[in-house]
Amino acid sequence: MRFVPQIPPPPRWAFTLVALAVFAFLLSVYVRVWTPEHGVTKFLRVGREFNERGIEVFRATPKYIDPFPAHRWGFDGQLYAQMALDPLLRDPQLHVALDDPPYRGQRILPSWLAWLIGLGQPFWVINAYAVINLIFWVGFAWLTWRLFSPLGWAGLAGYAVLLPTCGVIESMHAALTDLPSFTLILAALMTGGTAGAGWLALAALTRTTSLIGFIGIAEFTPPWREAIRKNLIRGLIAAVPVALWIAYVLWVFRGRQVGFDGGNLALPFRGMMEKLGELSVTLTHGPIRWHRWWHEFYKSYELHALLTIIAVVTQSVYVVLHREWRNPIWRWAAVATLYFSCISFLSWESHFTITRHALPITLGFNLLLALRPTRAWLIWFLLGNCFVPFGVRYFDRVAEYHAPPPPAEFTAAPGQPVTLAYGEGWAPQQWDGDSTWRWARGDAATLVLRNPTALPRALELRFLADTVRPRTLTVASGERMLLEVELTTARQVLHLPVIEVAPGETRLVFRTTQPPDDSVDTTSGRVTFKLERLRLVPPAR
């Protein structure tokens, strides 16, 4: 018989060392973000729009506000920080300060904790809310240490990628409620029984969707009468506190339309399919430098969207294929997989959001994988966690990030003398990274081509077009119709036929007959269609 040496398991201190290393990295980012004037409120992602609409004490409290146009609206953490300044939600201005008061008001536990930690002092309170994810991360690291430490080297690898996984990073980066809720559900499942139901009640006061974690503390074994009795008691413990709080929130915000999913749910897989359609355009015509794929692997936001789809689909497939009904974390991950399939494009559009919703799947995947270190372990591990490197770099750059200057609005071939400019009918320039765009205000808008030479120049104009609702777009130069196309709600790559740009000025008129809609980005007012990444190129030979 051939002797096969047994690899000794890693020492327990190796898990502690990994946890301390990740904590040191996360803490270093918070330390580098801190300033005497603003503290760490950069994590709140406060936008000018919601600061101006905010309650009086929020407007008066010093905080970081990014001047970048794309951040005009900010992100959700700013809303919960406002609630922390008035956790009973009695300030009438909250009706305006919050984007969806009945929906936001349900997620009150982190706001209450921030108010208590900050001793009611406004500057301390909003900074306490900004760091509350880091506090919960410590509990998350301890709970997962207990899960993974008995599982050998596969457990150490799973633990190492789980602590800084993208869903965790995104929740910390924008001071959101996902990591606190996730940690409390995990505590409920690992505790079990009526005590676990108590932890689940706290999770539900953080995010009402946390109640799906009940699947992990419910009894599914005979005797059935006893199981039903236990489940009824646990269900009441978990659900009654949040039900009472929701009743209070609906009373406070009576008369307002009630939302419970925030528009985040749709038919199964519809949101993912819409993202794949948009991604196909970006991967083909976007800024990804495929010849430098390794650098893009952890730097490119566009490529990370593809990696996110690969990772979460891999995790979901593994969870479905390796059923363990007796394992409460598997049951939680399985239900989360069903919920995840129904997430709408509203969340998929900014794909980093998806990683937060997928946290139970990510945990279940890495735990089940560590329990089965087969020959295929490495392939599953790499595919299921391929999005992690980008998230680590993404979070590390928070401290160094500064609002970028506006990029050039047009790209022309080298040596090309013809210039291009927006004329009448356009909203101000918007940009995000290297991408820049403008929305048309009404039914007509113009682009102006200027040829400073004495000879005509033959050129093609290429661009991305988008619209809020389907509409017809036409482009004309004088009496000549250059293009007529039906725009959908997905971005389309368009190009005009060869234009002979005469010396002097040539005007291109873009028209649509459908009425304007509300903007879907930071552009103010009502808009019709959008042009992005305009390029002037010589005609193909």
Protein backbone atom coordinates (compact mmCIF):
# COMPACT_ATOMS: atom_id res chain seq x y z
CA MET A 1 0.00 0.00 0.00
CA ARG A 2 1.31 3.41 -0.97
CA PHE A 3 1.81 5.79 1.91
CA VAL A 4 0.11 9.15 1.42
CA PRO A 5 1.38 11.75 3.87
CA GLN A 6 -1.28 13.65 5.73
CA ILE A 7 -0.99 17.42 5.57
CA PRO A 8 -1.36 18.77 9.09
CA PRO A 9 -4.18 21.29 9.53
CA PRO A 10 -3.29 24.95 9.99
CA PRO A 11 -2.91 26.12 13.57
CA ARG A 12 -5.82 28.03 15.06
CA TRP A 13 -3.65 31.12 15.36
CA ALA A 14 -3.44 31.23 11.53
CA PHE A 15 -7.14 32.14 11.43
CA THR A 16 -6.60 34.81 14.07
CA LEU A 17 -3.67 36.18 12.08
CA VAL A 18 -5.82 36.40 8.91
CA ALA A 19 -8.57 38.20 10.82
CA LEU A 20 -6.10 40.67 12.35
CA ALA A 21 -4.50 41.33 8.94
CA VAL A 22 -7.86 42.08 7.30
CA PHE A 23 -8.95 44.21 10.27
CA ALA A 24 -5.71 46.18 10.08
CA PHE A 25 -6.32 46.82 6.38
CA LEU A 26 -9.92 47.97 6.95
CA LEU A 27 -8.97 50.12 9.93
CA SER A 28 -6.15 51.74 7.97
CA VAL A 29 -8.65 52.95 5.39
CA TYR A 30 -10.85 54.51 8.08
CA VAL A 31 -7.78 56.17 9.63
CA ARG A 32 -6.66 57.58 6.27
CA VAL A 33 -10.16 58.87 5.53
CA TRP A 34 -10.45 60.67 8.88
CA THR A 35 -10.04 64.45 8.97
CA PRO A 36 -10.55 66.79 11.96
CA GLU A 37 -13.25 68.69 10.08
CA HIS A 38 -15.32 65.80 8.72
CA GLY A 39 -14.29 62.75 10.72
CA VAL A 40 -15.02 59.64 8.65
CA THR A 41 -18.27 60.93 7.14
CA LYS A 42 -16.85 60.31 3.67
CA PHE A 43 -18.30 56.81 4.12
CA LEU A 44 -21.81 58.24 4.35
CA ARG A 45 -21.69 59.24 0.65
CA VAL A 46 -23.63 62.46 1.26
CA GLY A 47 -24.93 64.12 -1.90
CA ARG A 48 -25.64 67.82 -2.30
CA GLU A 49 -29.29 67.16 -3.13
CA PHE A 50 -30.11 65.28 0.07
CA ASN A 51 -28.00 67.58 2.20
CA GLU A 52 -30.10 70.53 1.01
CA ARG A 53 -33.30 68.57 1.69
CA GLY A 54 -32.06 67.29 5.06
CA ILE A 55 -33.29 68.05 8.55
CA GLU A 56 -31.85 71.19 10.09
CA VAL A 57 -29.39 69.48 12.43
CA PHE A 58 -28.06 67.31 9.57
CA ARG A 59 -27.47 70.36 7.36
CA ALA A 60 -25.69 72.15 10.19
CA THR A 61 -23.39 69.24 11.11
CA PRO A 62 -19.96 69.26 9.36
CA LYS A 63 -19.57 66.33 6.97
CA TYR A 64 -17.86 65.40 3.74
CA ILE A 65 -19.82 66.15 0.55
CA ASP A 66 -18.30 65.05 -2.74
CA PRO A 67 -18.47 67.77 -5.44
CA PHE A 68 -18.38 65.15 -8.22
CA PRO A 69 -21.55 65.60 -10.39
CA ALA A 70 -22.29 61.87 -10.43
CA HIS A 71 -22.52 62.00 -6.62
CA ARG A 72 -25.07 64.78 -6.49
CA TRP A 73 -27.66 62.41 -4.98
CA GLY A 74 -25.24 60.50 -2.75
CA PHE A 75 -26.19 57.05 -1.49
CA ASP A 76 -28.35 55.33 1.10
CA GLY A 77 -26.01 55.61 4.10
CA GLN A 78 -26.66 59.36 4.32
CA LEU A 79 -30.38 58.66 4.87
CA TYR A 80 -29.82 56.30 7.80
CA ALA A 81 -27.33 58.78 9.29
CA GLN A 82 -30.07 61.42 9.20
CA MET A 83 -32.41 58.99 10.96
CA ALA A 84 -29.73 58.50 13.64
CA LEU A 85 -30.04 62.19 14.50
CA ASP A 86 -33.75 61.69 15.18
CA PRO A 87 -34.29 57.94 15.76
CA LEU A 88 -37.93 58.45 16.74
CA LEU A 89 -38.47 59.95 13.26
CA ARG A 90 -40.55 62.84 14.59
CA ASP A 91 -38.94 65.69 12.63
CA PRO A 92 -41.47 66.70 9.93
CA GLN A 93 -38.59 67.46 7.53
CA LEU A 94 -37.88 63.73 7.30
CA HIS A 95 -40.88 63.50 4.97
CA VAL A 96 -38.70 65.37 2.46
CA ALA A 97 -35.23 64.43 3.66
CA LEU A 98 -35.74 60.70 3.01
CA ASP A 99 -36.36 59.39 -0.50
CA ASP A 100 -38.92 56.82 0.73
CA PRO A 101 -39.69 57.54 4.42
CA PRO A 102 -41.89 54.47 5.22
CA TYR A 103 -39.32 52.17 3.59
CA ARG A 104 -36.20 53.75 5.09
CA GLY A 105 -37.80 54.17 8.50
CA GLN A 106 -38.18 50.40 8.90
CA ARG A 107 -34.36 49.99 9.14
CA ILE A 108 -33.89 51.70 12.46
CA LEU A 109 -31.55 49.56 14.60
CA PRO A 110 -28.18 50.87 13.26
CA SER A 111 -29.50 54.42 13.57
CA TRP A 112 -30.45 53.83 17.20
CA LEU A 113 -27.05 52.28 17.91
CA ALA A 114 -25.28 55.27 16.34
CA TRP A 115 -27.36 57.66 18.44
CA LEU A 116 -26.41 55.74 21.60
CA ILE A 117 -22.72 55.45 20.69
CA GLY A 118 -22.61 59.15 19.76
CA LEU A 119 -24.39 60.13 23.01
CA GLY A 120 -26.85 62.19 20.99
CA GLN A 121 -24.16 64.66 19.86
CA PRO A 122 -24.77 65.28 16.11
CA PHE A 123 -21.15 65.16 14.91
CA TRP A 124 -20.42 62.08 17.00
CA VAL A 125 -23.67 60.43 15.96
CA ILE A 126 -23.13 60.65 12.21
CA ASN A 127 -19.51 59.53 12.60
CA ALA A 128 -20.65 56.63 14.79
CA TYR A 129 -23.02 55.61 12.01
CA ALA A 130 -20.19 55.88 9.49
CA VAL A 131 -18.10 53.33 11.46
CA ILE A 132 -20.89 51.01 12.58
CA ASN A 133 -20.13 48.55 9.78
CA LEU A 134 -16.59 48.14 11.10
CA ILE A 135 -17.97 47.36 14.57
CA PHE A 136 -20.27 44.71 13.14
CA TRP A 137 -17.41 43.37 11.04
CA VAL A 138 -15.63 42.38 14.25
CA GLY A 139 -18.63 40.27 15.24
CA PHE A 140 -18.83 38.84 11.73
CA ALA A 141 -15.14 37.87 11.83
CA TRP A 142 -15.57 36.12 15.19
CA LEU A 143 -18.67 34.18 14.10
CA THR A 144 -17.11 33.03 10.85
CA TRP A 145 -13.89 32.12 12.73
CA ARG A 146 -15.98 29.66 14.72
CA LEU A 147 -17.42 28.22 11.50
CA PHE A 148 -14.25 27.90 9.43
CA SER A 149 -11.48 27.19 11.95
CA PRO A 150 -12.25 23.44 12.23
CA LEU A 151 -12.15 23.00 8.42
CA GLY A 152 -8.40 22.88 7.74
CA TRP A 153 -6.62 24.66 4.92
CA ALA A 154 -9.77 24.86 2.80
CA GLY A 155 -11.44 26.57 5.75
CA LEU A 156 -8.55 29.02 6.08
CA ALA A 157 -8.78 29.91 2.39
CA GLY A 158 -12.55 30.38 2.60
CA TYR A 159 -12.18 32.50 5.75
CA ALA A 160 -9.49 34.66 4.14
CA VAL A 161 -11.63 35.57 1.09
CA LEU A 162 -14.87 35.91 3.03
CA LEU A 163 -13.67 38.61 5.44
CA PRO A 164 -12.97 41.18 2.66
CA THR A 165 -15.50 39.85 0.11
CA CYS A 166 -17.21 42.40 -2.10
CA GLY A 167 -20.55 42.44 -0.27
CA VAL A 168 -18.78 43.26 2.98
CA ILE A 169 -16.65 45.91 1.29
CA GLU A 170 -19.65 47.59 -0.36
CA SER A 171 -21.63 47.74 2.87
CA MET A 172 -18.67 49.35 4.66
CA HIS A 173 -17.82 51.65 1.77
CA ALA A 174 -21.26 53.30 1.83
CA ALA A 175 -22.23 52.78 5.52
CA LEU A 176 -25.17 50.53 4.62
CA THR A 177 -27.31 48.14 6.64
CA ASP A 178 -26.35 44.92 4.83
CA LEU A 179 -23.36 43.82 6.90
CA PRO A 180 -25.06 44.57 10.26
CA SER A 181 -28.15 42.62 9.16
CA PHE A 182 -26.05 39.76 7.78
CA THR A 183 -24.03 39.50 11.00
CA LEU A 184 -27.14 39.42 13.18
CA ILE A 185 -28.76 36.69 11.03
CA LEU A 186 -25.58 34.64 11.24
CA ALA A 187 -25.62 35.05 15.04
CA ALA A 188 -29.25 33.88 15.05
CA LEU A 189 -28.49 30.76 13.01
CA MET A 190 -25.43 29.82 15.06
CA THR A 191 -27.30 30.38 18.34
CA GLY A 192 -30.58 28.71 17.34
CA GLY A 193 -33.68 28.28 19.49
CA THR A 194 -35.53 31.19 21.09
CA ALA A 195 -32.25 33.06 21.65
CA GLY A 196 -31.60 32.82 17.92
CA ALA A 197 -35.08 34.24 17.31
CA GLY A 198 -34.09 37.22 19.47
CA TRP A 199 -31.03 37.86 17.30
CA LEU A 200 -33.26 37.54 14.23
CA ALA A 201 -35.61 40.17 15.66
CA LEU A 202 -32.69 42.58 15.85
CA ALA A 203 -31.72 41.70 12.27
CA ALA A 204 -35.29 42.42 11.11
CA LEU A 205 -35.11 45.85 12.75
CA THR A 206 -32.00 46.41 10.61
CA ARG A 207 -33.52 45.11 7.34
CA THR A 208 -36.99 43.59 7.21
CA THR A 209 -35.81 41.12 4.54
CA SER A 210 -33.68 39.55 7.29
CA LEU A 211 -36.74 37.51 8.24
CA ILE A 212 -35.80 35.07 5.49
CA GLY A 213 -33.21 33.92 8.02
CA PHE A 214 -36.09 32.27 9.92
CA ILE A 215 -35.60 29.29 7.61
CA GLY A 216 -32.35 28.66 9.48
CA ILE A 217 -33.80 28.60 13.02
CA ALA A 218 -37.05 26.79 12.24
CA GLU A 219 -37.60 23.18 13.35
CA PHE A 220 -38.22 20.63 10.58
CA THR A 221 -38.00 17.36 12.52
CA PRO A 222 -40.64 15.36 14.40
CA PRO A 223 -42.47 15.36 16.70
CA TRP A 224 -44.36 17.78 14.47
CA ARG A 225 -46.67 19.22 17.12
CA GLU A 226 -43.66 20.25 19.19
CA ALA A 227 -41.90 21.60 16.09
CA ILE A 228 -44.94 23.72 15.18
CA ARG A 229 -45.15 25.08 18.72
CA LYS A 230 -41.46 26.01 18.74
CA ASN A 231 -41.69 27.61 15.30
CA LEU A 232 -44.72 29.66 16.33
CA ILE A 233 -42.92 30.99 19.42
CA ARG A 234 -39.73 31.73 17.49
CA GLY A 235 -41.68 33.36 14.69
CA LEU A 236 -43.47 35.67 17.12
CA ILE A 237 -40.21 36.60 18.85
CA ALA A 238 -38.60 37.42 15.50
CA ALA A 239 -41.52 39.20 13.83
CA VAL A 240 -43.48 41.04 16.53
CA PRO A 241 -40.85 43.72 17.34
CA VAL A 242 -40.40 44.72 13.69
CA ALA A 243 -44.17 44.55 13.11
CA LEU A 244 -44.75 46.98 15.99
CA TRP A 245 -42.00 49.27 14.73
CA ILE A 246 -43.41 49.24 11.18
CA ALA A 247 -46.83 50.14 12.57
CA TYR A 248 -45.21 53.10 14.34
CA VAL A 249 -43.35 54.15 11.15
CA LEU A 250 -46.57 54.00 9.11
CA TRP A 251 -48.27 56.15 11.73
CA VAL A 252 -45.44 58.71 11.70
CA PHE A 253 -45.42 58.86 7.90
CA ARG A 254 -49.16 58.40 7.44
CA GLY A 255 -50.40 59.56 4.08
CA ARG A 256 -47.21 58.51 2.32
CA GLN A 257 -47.12 55.67 -0.20
CA VAL A 258 -45.76 52.55 1.46
CA GLY A 259 -42.88 50.61 -0.07
CA PHE A 260 -41.49 47.33 1.26
CA ASP A 261 -39.06 46.18 -1.44
CA GLY A 262 -37.78 49.57 -2.64
CA GLY A 263 -38.44 48.52 -6.25
CA ASN A 264 -35.68 45.92 -5.97
CA LEU A 265 -37.66 42.86 -7.11
CA ALA A 266 -38.69 41.69 -10.57
CA LEU A 267 -39.42 38.46 -12.46
CA PRO A 268 -36.75 35.77 -11.97
CA PHE A 269 -33.47 36.44 -13.80
CA ARG A 270 -34.87 39.48 -15.60
CA GLY A 271 -32.52 41.92 -13.90
CA MET A 272 -29.49 39.75 -14.63
CA MET A 273 -30.47 39.37 -18.28
CA GLU A 274 -30.84 43.13 -18.68
CA LYS A 275 -27.40 43.58 -17.10
CA LEU A 276 -25.91 41.05 -19.49
CA GLY A 277 -27.42 42.95 -22.42
CA GLU A 278 -25.87 46.21 -21.23
CA LEU A 279 -22.61 44.44 -20.44
CA SER A 280 -22.32 43.06 -23.97
CA VAL A 281 -22.17 46.63 -25.27
CA THR A 282 -19.66 47.71 -22.63
CA LEU A 283 -17.34 44.75 -23.14
CA THR A 284 -17.29 45.33 -26.90
CA HIS A 285 -17.11 49.10 -27.06
CA GLY A 286 -16.04 50.06 -23.55
CA PRO A 287 -12.64 51.06 -22.15
CA ILE A 288 -11.44 47.56 -21.12
CA ARG A 289 -7.86 46.92 -22.27
CA TRP A 290 -8.04 43.20 -22.94
CA HIS A 291 -4.33 42.99 -23.76
CA ARG A 292 -3.67 43.90 -20.11
CA TRP A 293 -6.32 41.64 -18.61
CA TRP A 294 -4.43 41.01 -15.37
CA HIS A 295 -4.38 44.71 -14.49
CA GLU A 296 -8.00 45.05 -15.57
CA PHE A 297 -8.89 42.08 -13.35
CA TYR A 298 -8.59 44.20 -10.23
CA LYS A 299 -8.86 47.71 -11.70
CA SER A 300 -11.68 47.76 -14.26
CA TYR A 301 -15.18 48.44 -12.92
CA GLU A 302 -16.68 47.25 -16.22
CA LEU A 303 -14.82 43.93 -16.14
CA HIS A 304 -15.78 43.52 -12.50
CA ALA A 305 -19.44 43.42 -13.57
CA LEU A 306 -18.66 40.31 -15.61
CA LEU A 307 -16.65 38.80 -12.74
CA THR A 308 -19.56 39.46 -10.38
CA ILE A 309 -21.96 37.55 -12.61
CA ILE A 310 -19.49 34.67 -12.93
CA ALA A 311 -18.84 34.54 -9.18
CA VAL A 312 -22.43 34.75 -7.95
CA VAL A 313 -23.75 32.31 -10.56
CA THR A 314 -20.97 29.88 -9.57
CA GLN A 315 -21.86 30.26 -5.90
CA SER A 316 -25.58 29.77 -6.58
CA VAL A 317 -25.02 26.67 -8.70
CA TYR A 318 -22.78 25.12 -6.04
CA VAL A 319 -25.30 25.80 -3.28
CA VAL A 320 -28.12 24.25 -5.34
CA LEU A 321 -26.05 21.18 -6.27
CA HIS A 322 -24.83 20.46 -2.73
CA ARG A 323 -28.01 20.29 -0.68
CA GLU A 324 -27.73 19.99 3.11
CA TRP A 325 -31.20 20.51 4.51
CA ARG A 326 -30.00 19.90 8.09
CA ASN A 327 -27.46 22.73 7.80
CA PRO A 328 -29.18 26.04 8.73
CA ILE A 329 -26.66 28.08 6.75
CA TRP A 330 -27.37 26.01 3.63
CA ARG A 331 -31.12 26.62 4.08
CA TRP A 332 -30.47 30.35 4.43
CA ALA A 333 -28.24 30.41 1.35
CA ALA A 334 -30.77 28.38 -0.66
CA VAL A 335 -33.61 30.80 0.11
CA ALA A 336 -31.28 33.72 -0.59
CA THR A 337 -30.54 32.16 -3.99
CA LEU A 338 -34.25 32.22 -4.86
CA TYR A 339 -34.54 35.82 -3.63
CA PHE A 340 -31.39 36.78 -5.50
CA SER A 341 -32.79 35.51 -8.81
CA CYS A 342 -35.64 38.04 -8.51
CA ILE A 343 -33.46 41.12 -7.97
CA SER A 344 -34.36 43.80 -10.50
CA PHE A 345 -32.14 45.80 -12.82
CA LEU A 346 -32.46 48.72 -10.38
CA SER A 347 -29.89 46.88 -8.25
CA TRP A 348 -28.04 45.20 -11.11
CA GLU A 349 -27.42 48.55 -12.85
CA SER A 350 -24.76 49.36 -10.25
CA HIS A 351 -23.54 45.80 -9.99
CA PHE A 352 -21.54 46.24 -6.77
CA THR A 353 -24.92 46.43 -5.04
CA ILE A 354 -25.53 42.83 -6.07
CA THR A 355 -22.64 41.57 -3.99
CA ARG A 356 -24.38 42.82 -0.84
CA HIS A 357 -27.58 40.94 -1.67
CA ALA A 358 -25.52 37.82 -2.36
CA LEU A 359 -23.73 37.73 1.03
CA PRO A 360 -25.67 34.69 2.35
CA ILE A 361 -24.90 32.83 -0.88
CA THR A 362 -21.21 33.78 -0.65
CA LEU A 363 -21.04 32.52 2.94
CA GLY A 364 -22.92 29.31 2.16
CA PHE A 365 -20.78 28.64 -0.90
CA ASN A 366 -17.44 29.06 0.87
CA LEU A 367 -18.58 27.05 3.90
CA LEU A 368 -19.92 24.13 1.85
CA LEU A 369 -16.83 24.22 -0.34
CA ALA A 370 -14.54 24.05 2.67
CA LEU A 371 -16.50 21.05 3.93
CA ARG A 372 -15.77 19.25 0.61
CA PRO A 373 -12.11 19.84 -0.37
CA THR A 374 -12.24 17.62 -3.49
CA ARG A 375 -9.95 17.76 -6.52
CA ALA A 376 -12.24 20.35 -8.11
CA TRP A 377 -12.03 22.55 -5.01
CA LEU A 378 -9.57 25.04 -6.50
CA ILE A 379 -11.63 25.61 -9.67
CA TRP A 380 -14.82 26.24 -7.70
CA PHE A 381 -12.94 28.44 -5.23
CA LEU A 382 -11.38 30.67 -7.91
CA LEU A 383 -14.57 31.03 -9.95
CA GLY A 384 -16.73 31.71 -6.90
CA ASN A 385 -14.38 34.34 -5.47
CA CYS A 386 -12.94 35.89 -8.64
CA PHE A 387 -14.53 39.26 -7.83
CA VAL A 388 -12.70 39.72 -4.48
CA PRO A 389 -9.41 41.36 -5.67
CA PHE A 390 -11.23 44.29 -7.27
CA GLY A 391 -13.22 44.92 -4.08
CA VAL A 392 -10.09 45.03 -1.92
CA ARG A 393 -8.44 47.58 -4.21
CA TYR A 394 -11.73 49.49 -4.51
CA PHE A 395 -11.92 49.93 -0.73
CA ASP A 396 -8.24 50.78 -0.40
CA ARG A 397 -8.66 53.67 -2.82
CA VAL A 398 -11.43 55.31 -0.76
CA ALA A 399 -8.87 57.31 1.21
CA GLU A 400 -7.05 58.51 -1.92
CA TYR A 401 -10.12 59.19 -4.01
CA HIS A 402 -10.71 62.77 -5.12
CA ALA A 403 -13.38 64.02 -7.48
CA PRO A 404 -11.87 63.77 -10.97
CA PRO A 405 -11.88 66.65 -13.44
CA PRO A 406 -14.36 66.35 -16.31
CA PRO A 407 -12.94 64.23 -19.15
CA ALA A 408 -12.86 65.43 -22.74
CA GLU A 409 -16.33 65.12 -24.21
CA PHE A 410 -15.19 64.03 -27.67
CA THR A 411 -12.53 61.77 -29.13
CA ALA A 412 -11.04 62.52 -32.56
CA ALA A 413 -8.49 60.67 -34.67
CA PRO A 414 -4.90 61.99 -34.36
CA GLY A 415 -4.25 64.89 -36.72
CA GLN A 416 -7.97 65.35 -37.39
CA PRO A 417 -8.63 69.12 -37.67
CA VAL A 418 -12.44 68.97 -37.44
CA THR A 419 -13.81 69.75 -33.97
CA LEU A 420 -17.11 68.79 -32.41
CA ALA A 421 -19.14 70.67 -29.81
CA TYR A 422 -22.55 70.48 -28.17
CA GLY A 423 -24.87 73.20 -29.40
CA GLU A 424 -28.36 74.12 -28.18
CA GLY A 425 -30.74 71.86 -26.27
CA TRP A 426 -28.38 69.90 -24.01
CA ALA A 427 -28.13 69.54 -20.24
CA PRO A 428 -24.74 70.17 -18.56
CA GLN A 429 -22.00 67.58 -18.93
CA GLN A 430 -22.09 64.54 -16.64
CA TRP A 431 -19.24 62.08 -16.17
CA ASP A 432 -18.14 59.03 -14.24
CA GLY A 433 -14.54 57.93 -14.62
CA ASP A 434 -13.59 58.06 -18.29
CA SER A 435 -17.20 58.06 -19.50
CA THR A 436 -18.94 61.36 -20.22
CA TRP A 437 -22.44 62.12 -21.50
CA ARG A 438 -25.19 64.70 -21.91
CA TRP A 439 -28.97 64.47 -22.00
CA ALA A 440 -31.12 66.38 -24.48
CA ARG A 441 -33.61 68.68 -22.79
CA GLY A 442 -36.41 68.72 -25.35
CA ASP A 443 -37.46 67.39 -28.73
CA ALA A 444 -34.42 68.80 -30.57
CA ALA A 445 -30.72 69.33 -29.82
CA THR A 446 -27.73 70.13 -32.02
CA LEU A 447 -24.11 69.13 -32.44
CA VAL A 448 -21.76 71.53 -34.19
CA LEU A 449 -18.91 70.38 -36.45
CA ARG A 450 -16.28 72.97 -37.33
CA ASN A 451 -13.82 72.47 -40.18
CA PRO A 452 -11.06 75.13 -40.06
CA THR A 453 -9.45 73.98 -43.33
CA ALA A 454 -10.26 74.98 -46.90
CA LEU A 455 -11.17 71.44 -47.97
CA PRO A 456 -14.14 69.21 -47.03
CA ARG A 457 -13.40 66.32 -44.69
CA ALA A 458 -15.13 62.92 -44.75
CA LEU A 459 -15.82 61.61 -41.25
CA GLU A 460 -17.97 59.17 -39.30
CA LEU A 461 -19.57 59.99 -35.95
CA ARG A 462 -19.96 57.10 -33.48
CA PHE A 463 -21.59 57.20 -30.05
CA LEU A 464 -23.70 55.40 -27.46
CA ALA A 465 -27.36 56.42 -27.21
CA ASP A 466 -29.75 55.82 -24.34
CA THR A 467 -33.26 56.79 -23.27
CA VAL A 468 -35.56 56.36 -20.30
CA ARG A 469 -38.43 55.09 -22.45
CA PRO A 470 -38.50 53.71 -26.02
CA ARG A 471 -38.46 56.53 -28.57
CA THR A 472 -37.66 57.38 -32.17
CA LEU A 473 -34.46 59.36 -32.79
CA THR A 474 -33.62 61.08 -36.06
CA VAL A 475 -30.44 62.90 -37.06
CA ALA A 476 -30.32 65.37 -39.95
CA SER A 477 -27.76 67.70 -41.49
CA GLY A 478 -29.67 70.46 -43.24
CA GLU A 479 -32.19 68.73 -45.54
CA ARG A 480 -30.31 65.42 -45.50
CA MET A 481 -31.63 62.70 -43.18
CA LEU A 482 -28.62 60.84 -41.76
CA LEU A 483 -30.25 58.41 -39.35
CA GLU A 484 -33.61 57.22 -38.05
CA VAL A 485 -33.54 54.63 -35.28
CA GLU A 486 -35.80 53.20 -32.57
CA LEU A 487 -34.10 53.58 -29.20
CA THR A 488 -34.86 51.08 -26.44
CA THR A 489 -34.12 51.39 -22.72
CA ALA A 490 -30.79 49.61 -23.26
CA ARG A 491 -27.76 51.54 -24.49
CA GLN A 492 -27.15 51.21 -28.23
CA VAL A 493 -24.01 51.73 -30.28
CA LEU A 494 -24.85 54.02 -33.21
CA HIS A 495 -22.88 55.58 -36.02
CA LEU A 496 -23.86 58.07 -38.68
CA PRO A 497 -23.08 57.46 -42.34
CA VAL A 498 -20.07 59.28 -43.77
CA ILE A 499 -20.47 63.04 -43.43
CA GLU A 500 -18.76 65.46 -45.78
CA VAL A 501 -17.87 68.25 -43.38
CA ALA A 502 -17.57 71.39 -45.50
CA PRO A 503 -15.22 74.23 -44.50
CA GLY A 504 -16.80 76.27 -41.76
CA GLU A 505 -19.67 75.06 -39.58
CA THR A 506 -21.96 72.04 -40.01
CA ARG A 507 -24.89 71.48 -37.67
CA LEU A 508 -26.37 68.07 -36.87
CA VAL A 509 -29.92 68.18 -35.49
CA PHE A 510 -31.10 65.32 -33.24
CA ARG A 511 -34.91 65.07 -32.90
CA THR A 512 -37.46 62.95 -31.08
CA THR A 513 -41.25 63.24 -31.00
CA GLN A 514 -41.92 61.47 -27.70
CA PRO A 515 -42.30 63.58 -24.53
CA PRO A 516 -39.46 64.00 -21.98
CA ASP A 517 -39.07 61.94 -18.80
CA ASP A 518 -37.49 62.48 -15.41
CA SER A 519 -33.73 62.02 -15.43
CA VAL A 520 -32.36 58.71 -14.14
CA ASP A 521 -28.97 60.11 -13.10
CA THR A 522 -27.77 63.36 -11.56
CA THR A 523 -29.04 65.55 -14.43
CA SER A 524 -31.72 67.92 -13.14
CA GLY A 525 -35.06 68.40 -14.85
CA ARG A 526 -36.75 66.36 -17.58
CA VAL A 527 -34.84 64.83 -20.47
CA THR A 528 -35.38 62.88 -23.69
CA PHE A 529 -32.29 61.01 -24.88
CA LYS A 530 -28.61 60.74 -24.00
CA LEU A 531 -25.42 60.72 -26.07
CA GLU A 532 -22.26 59.20 -24.60
CA ARG A 533 -18.62 58.73 -25.71
CA LEU A 534 -18.81 60.57 -29.02
CA ARG A 535 -15.99 59.78 -31.45
CA LEU A 536 -15.03 61.27 -34.81
CA VAL A 537 -13.24 58.72 -36.96
CA PRO A 538 -12.15 58.50 -40.61
CA PRO A 539 -14.53 56.42 -42.75
CA ALA A 540 -13.74 52.73 -43.07
CA ARG A 541 -12.06 51.93 -46.36
